[in-house]
């Protein structure tokens, strides 16, 4: 299992939010690139970067920082405000390995299909609250059920899913294990889990779901020193044995 340490960028700083609320911000590092270097020094094999400003504005606002993190040499998965082919191209040209599409999944299915046709590294970033998909930086709810949207996206060529349970994100109250168990039992594409990881036991639980649960994004637990990145990576590797 891949452990993705998360760097969420807001106003040029590495932060974490609680349940996606912009009024519940904790700043952990004034320099996101330095934070990425710390993760790499701790053994990070991937880094997950979210442009929170971009998610709200609808266009990336911290693209230079994302590019600088990608230039450090560790594979980067990134999202936040990516809603045009030009932006997708810029990300891949800068060395980003995976691009996460969110709002575009609902608003721009044509873009999703074109992106999946041109690039292997497209990830469907589905953020959900009470089983319904949220968009526009989690500020806007939709009537789309999670599974219904995934079925539509598979037809468009999406081959990987990053799923966030908004109610758990940034809360350190544990992952919604049942939601991920249901997902991997009903779909065929790999899933990356996000939201709520608070202990190594959360990662151990996710590992039991098998190889289809490809990875987990970890944020606040690392910043709050609930466990080390090295220990998380070790637990993820144990699940591959």
Protein backbone atom coordinates (compact mmCIF):
# COMPACT_ATOMS: atom_id res chain seq x y z
CA UNK A 1 0.00 0.00 0.00
CA UNK A 2 1.24 3.45 -0.91
CA UNK A 3 1.36 6.04 1.88
CA UNK A 4 0.75 9.52 0.45
CA UNK A 5 1.82 12.24 2.91
CA UNK A 6 -0.37 15.25 2.13
CA UNK A 7 0.59 18.85 1.59
CA UNK A 8 -2.43 21.15 1.32
CA UNK A 9 -1.45 24.61 0.10
CA UNK A 10 -3.42 27.71 1.07
CA UNK A 11 -2.04 31.24 0.66
CA UNK A 12 1.34 29.73 -0.14
CA UNK A 13 1.55 27.77 3.13
CA UNK A 14 1.21 24.11 4.07
CA UNK A 15 -1.99 23.79 6.09
CA UNK A 16 -4.65 21.33 7.17
CA UNK A 17 -8.36 21.99 7.31
CA UNK A 18 -11.08 20.36 9.37
CA UNK A 19 -13.81 18.88 7.13
CA UNK A 20 -12.68 21.18 4.34
CA UNK A 21 -13.66 24.34 6.25
CA UNK A 22 -11.63 27.38 5.32
CA UNK A 23 -12.45 28.88 8.73
CA UNK A 24 -10.75 25.93 10.47
CA UNK A 25 -7.17 26.22 9.23
CA UNK A 26 -3.99 25.09 10.96
CA UNK A 27 -0.71 26.23 9.42
CA UNK A 28 2.03 23.61 9.71
CA UNK A 29 4.75 25.00 7.49
CA UNK A 30 5.19 28.40 5.88
CA UNK A 31 7.18 26.73 3.09
CA UNK A 32 5.44 23.79 1.36
CA UNK A 33 8.58 22.87 -0.61
CA UNK A 34 10.51 22.52 2.65
CA UNK A 35 7.69 20.35 3.97
CA UNK A 36 8.00 18.13 0.92
CA UNK A 37 11.73 17.81 1.53
CA UNK A 38 11.01 16.75 5.12
CA UNK A 39 8.68 14.03 3.89
CA UNK A 40 11.25 12.87 1.34
CA UNK A 41 13.95 12.75 4.02
CA UNK A 42 11.55 10.60 6.09
CA UNK A 43 11.21 8.11 3.24
CA UNK A 44 8.20 9.34 1.25
CA UNK A 45 7.68 7.36 -1.94
CA UNK A 46 4.88 9.65 -3.16
CA UNK A 47 3.58 13.07 -2.13
CA UNK A 48 -0.03 14.21 -2.44
CA UNK A 49 -0.38 17.96 -3.05
CA UNK A 50 -3.66 19.88 -3.01
CA UNK A 51 -3.98 23.48 -4.17
CA UNK A 52 -6.76 24.61 -1.84
CA UNK A 53 -6.82 28.11 -3.31
CA UNK A 54 -7.24 26.53 -6.72
CA UNK A 55 -10.09 24.32 -5.55
CA UNK A 56 -11.99 27.41 -4.39
CA UNK A 57 -11.09 29.70 -7.30
CA UNK A 58 -11.55 27.08 -10.02
CA UNK A 59 -8.03 27.51 -11.39
CA UNK A 60 -4.66 26.64 -9.83
CA UNK A 61 -3.21 29.41 -7.70
CA UNK A 62 -0.08 27.67 -6.43
CA UNK A 63 1.09 25.96 -9.58
CA UNK A 64 4.68 27.13 -9.16
CA UNK A 65 4.89 25.47 -5.74
CA UNK A 66 3.44 22.25 -7.13
CA UNK A 67 6.04 22.29 -9.90
CA UNK A 68 8.86 22.92 -7.42
CA UNK A 69 7.72 19.98 -5.30
CA UNK A 70 7.52 17.76 -8.40
CA UNK A 71 11.08 18.79 -9.26
CA UNK A 72 12.36 17.24 -6.02
CA UNK A 73 12.26 13.84 -7.68
CA UNK A 74 9.59 11.94 -5.74
CA UNK A 75 6.36 11.14 -7.65
CA UNK A 76 3.64 13.72 -7.03
CA UNK A 77 -0.12 13.31 -7.16
CA UNK A 78 -1.87 16.67 -7.26
CA UNK A 79 -5.29 18.28 -7.54
CA UNK A 80 -7.18 21.46 -6.84
CA UNK A 81 -8.73 23.69 -9.48
CA UNK A 82 -7.60 21.56 -12.42
CA UNK A 83 -10.42 22.11 -14.90
CA UNK A 84 -8.80 22.55 -18.32
CA UNK A 85 -6.62 20.50 -20.66
CA UNK A 86 -4.04 23.28 -20.66
CA UNK A 87 -3.62 22.97 -16.89
CA UNK A 88 -3.47 19.18 -17.09
CA UNK A 89 -0.74 19.43 -19.72
CA UNK A 90 1.22 21.92 -17.62
CA UNK A 91 1.12 19.58 -14.65
CA UNK A 92 2.37 16.55 -16.55
CA UNK A 93 4.97 18.60 -18.41
CA UNK A 94 6.32 19.75 -15.04
CA UNK A 95 6.82 16.16 -13.92
CA UNK A 96 3.67 15.55 -11.90
CA UNK A 97 2.91 11.82 -12.07
CA UNK A 98 -0.84 11.87 -11.33
CA UNK A 99 -3.45 14.60 -11.77
CA UNK A 100 -6.59 14.49 -9.66
CA UNK A 101 -9.78 15.86 -11.21
CA UNK A 102 -12.65 16.83 -8.94
CA UNK A 103 -15.30 19.34 -9.99
CA UNK A 104 -14.56 18.55 -13.65
CA UNK A 105 -15.87 15.02 -13.07
CA UNK A 106 -19.36 16.47 -12.73
CA UNK A 107 -19.12 19.65 -14.80
CA UNK A 108 -16.85 18.64 -17.69
CA UNK A 109 -17.25 14.96 -18.63
CA UNK A 110 -15.83 15.69 -22.09
CA UNK A 111 -12.63 16.98 -20.53
CA UNK A 112 -12.41 13.89 -18.33
CA UNK A 113 -12.75 11.58 -21.34
CA UNK A 114 -10.11 13.51 -23.32
CA UNK A 115 -7.71 13.59 -20.38
CA UNK A 116 -8.06 9.85 -19.77
CA UNK A 117 -7.46 9.19 -23.46
CA UNK A 118 -4.25 11.23 -23.46
CA UNK A 119 -2.77 10.42 -20.05
CA UNK A 120 -2.51 7.33 -17.85
CA UNK A 121 -2.14 9.34 -14.66
CA UNK A 122 -5.66 10.74 -14.35
CA UNK A 123 -7.31 10.16 -10.97
CA UNK A 124 -10.99 10.73 -10.19
CA UNK A 125 -11.04 12.65 -6.91
CA UNK A 126 -14.47 12.02 -5.43
CA UNK A 127 -15.24 13.88 -2.23
CA UNK A 128 -18.45 12.82 -0.54
CA UNK A 129 -20.66 13.84 2.33
CA UNK A 130 -23.48 11.46 3.39
CA UNK A 131 -23.03 9.43 0.23
CA UNK A 132 -23.38 12.41 -2.12
CA UNK A 133 -20.61 13.96 -4.18
CA UNK A 134 -19.43 17.47 -3.25
CA UNK A 135 -17.66 19.82 -5.67
CA UNK A 136 -16.22 23.36 -5.83
CA UNK A 137 -13.74 22.79 -3.02
CA UNK A 138 -16.40 20.87 -1.06
CA UNK A 139 -18.58 23.96 -0.81
CA UNK A 140 -21.31 22.72 -3.13
CA UNK A 141 -23.29 19.51 -2.78
CA UNK A 142 -24.73 17.56 -5.70
CA UNK A 143 -27.38 14.91 -6.23
CA UNK A 144 -24.80 12.48 -7.62
CA UNK A 145 -24.46 9.28 -5.63
CA UNK A 146 -20.88 8.06 -5.30
CA UNK A 147 -21.35 4.71 -7.02
CA UNK A 148 -23.48 6.17 -9.80
CA UNK A 149 -20.79 8.73 -10.61
CA UNK A 150 -18.03 6.13 -10.51
CA UNK A 151 -19.95 3.98 -13.02
CA UNK A 152 -20.23 6.98 -15.36
CA UNK A 153 -16.55 7.81 -14.96
CA UNK A 154 -15.45 4.27 -15.74
CA UNK A 155 -17.26 4.61 -19.07
CA UNK A 156 -15.25 7.79 -19.70
CA UNK A 157 -12.00 5.93 -19.16
CA UNK A 158 -11.18 6.68 -15.51
CA UNK A 159 -8.94 3.95 -14.11
CA UNK A 160 -8.21 5.14 -10.57
CA UNK A 161 -10.21 6.71 -7.73
CA UNK A 162 -9.21 8.86 -4.77
CA UNK A 163 -12.13 8.90 -2.33
CA UNK A 164 -12.46 11.34 0.55
CA UNK A 165 -15.03 11.11 3.31
CA UNK A 166 -15.45 14.81 4.06
CA UNK A 167 -16.95 14.20 7.49
CA UNK A 168 -13.72 12.47 8.54
CA UNK A 169 -11.17 14.71 6.84
CA UNK A 170 -8.83 16.48 9.22
CA UNK A 171 -10.71 15.18 12.26
CA UNK A 172 -8.38 12.32 13.26
CA UNK A 173 -11.38 10.26 14.31
CA UNK A 174 -10.57 7.17 12.28
CA UNK A 175 -11.31 6.17 8.71
CA UNK A 176 -14.72 5.18 7.42
CA UNK A 177 -13.67 1.58 6.94
CA UNK A 178 -17.16 0.46 5.91
CA UNK A 179 -17.27 2.94 3.04
CA UNK A 180 -13.99 1.68 1.60
CA UNK A 181 -14.95 -1.95 2.07
CA UNK A 182 -18.17 -1.27 0.16
CA UNK A 183 -16.31 0.56 -2.60
CA UNK A 184 -13.74 -2.14 -3.29
CA UNK A 185 -16.46 -4.79 -3.30
CA UNK A 186 -18.53 -2.95 -5.93
CA UNK A 187 -15.99 -1.45 -8.34
CA UNK A 188 -12.95 -2.76 -10.17
CA UNK A 189 -10.57 0.21 -10.30
CA UNK A 190 -7.89 0.90 -7.65
CA UNK A 191 -8.90 3.14 -4.75
CA UNK A 192 -6.85 5.62 -2.70
CA UNK A 193 -8.41 6.38 0.67
CA UNK A 194 -8.43 9.81 2.29
CA UNK A 195 -9.83 11.31 5.46
CA UNK A 196 -9.68 10.51 9.15
CA UNK A 197 -6.48 8.51 9.55
CA UNK A 198 -5.46 8.93 13.18
CA UNK A 199 -3.48 5.82 14.15
CA UNK A 200 -1.44 3.09 12.53
CA UNK A 201 -4.37 0.78 13.23
CA UNK A 202 -6.41 2.77 10.69
CA UNK A 203 -3.79 1.93 8.08
CA UNK A 204 -3.68 -1.70 9.20
CA UNK A 205 -7.45 -1.91 8.78
CA UNK A 206 -7.27 -0.52 5.26
CA UNK A 207 -4.49 -2.94 4.34
CA UNK A 208 -6.88 -5.84 5.04
CA UNK A 209 -9.00 -4.72 2.09
CA UNK A 210 -6.34 -6.01 -0.29
CA UNK A 211 -4.42 -4.67 -3.24
CA UNK A 212 -7.38 -2.82 -4.74
CA UNK A 213 -7.11 -0.37 -1.84
CA UNK A 214 -3.97 0.97 -3.45
CA UNK A 215 -3.01 3.66 -0.98
CA UNK A 216 -3.99 6.08 1.74
CA UNK A 217 -3.51 9.83 2.02
CA UNK A 218 -2.31 10.90 5.46
CA UNK A 219 -2.22 14.47 6.68
CA UNK A 220 -2.90 15.78 10.16
CA UNK A 221 -1.76 12.59 11.91
CA UNK A 222 1.73 13.12 10.51
CA UNK A 223 1.80 16.82 11.32
CA UNK A 224 0.60 16.16 14.85
CA UNK A 225 3.17 13.36 15.31
CA UNK A 226 0.55 10.69 15.98
CA UNK A 227 2.97 8.36 14.21
CA UNK A 228 5.92 8.71 11.89
CA UNK A 229 5.87 8.50 8.13
CA UNK A 230 8.45 5.71 8.32
CA UNK A 231 6.17 3.64 10.57
CA UNK A 232 3.19 4.25 8.27
CA UNK A 233 5.21 3.13 5.24
CA UNK A 234 6.30 0.01 7.12
CA UNK A 235 2.71 -0.89 7.93
CA UNK A 236 1.73 -0.37 4.31
CA UNK A 237 4.54 -2.64 3.15
CA UNK A 238 3.58 -5.32 5.67
CA UNK A 239 0.26 -5.57 3.90
CA UNK A 240 2.02 -6.46 0.66
CA UNK A 241 3.68 -9.55 2.14
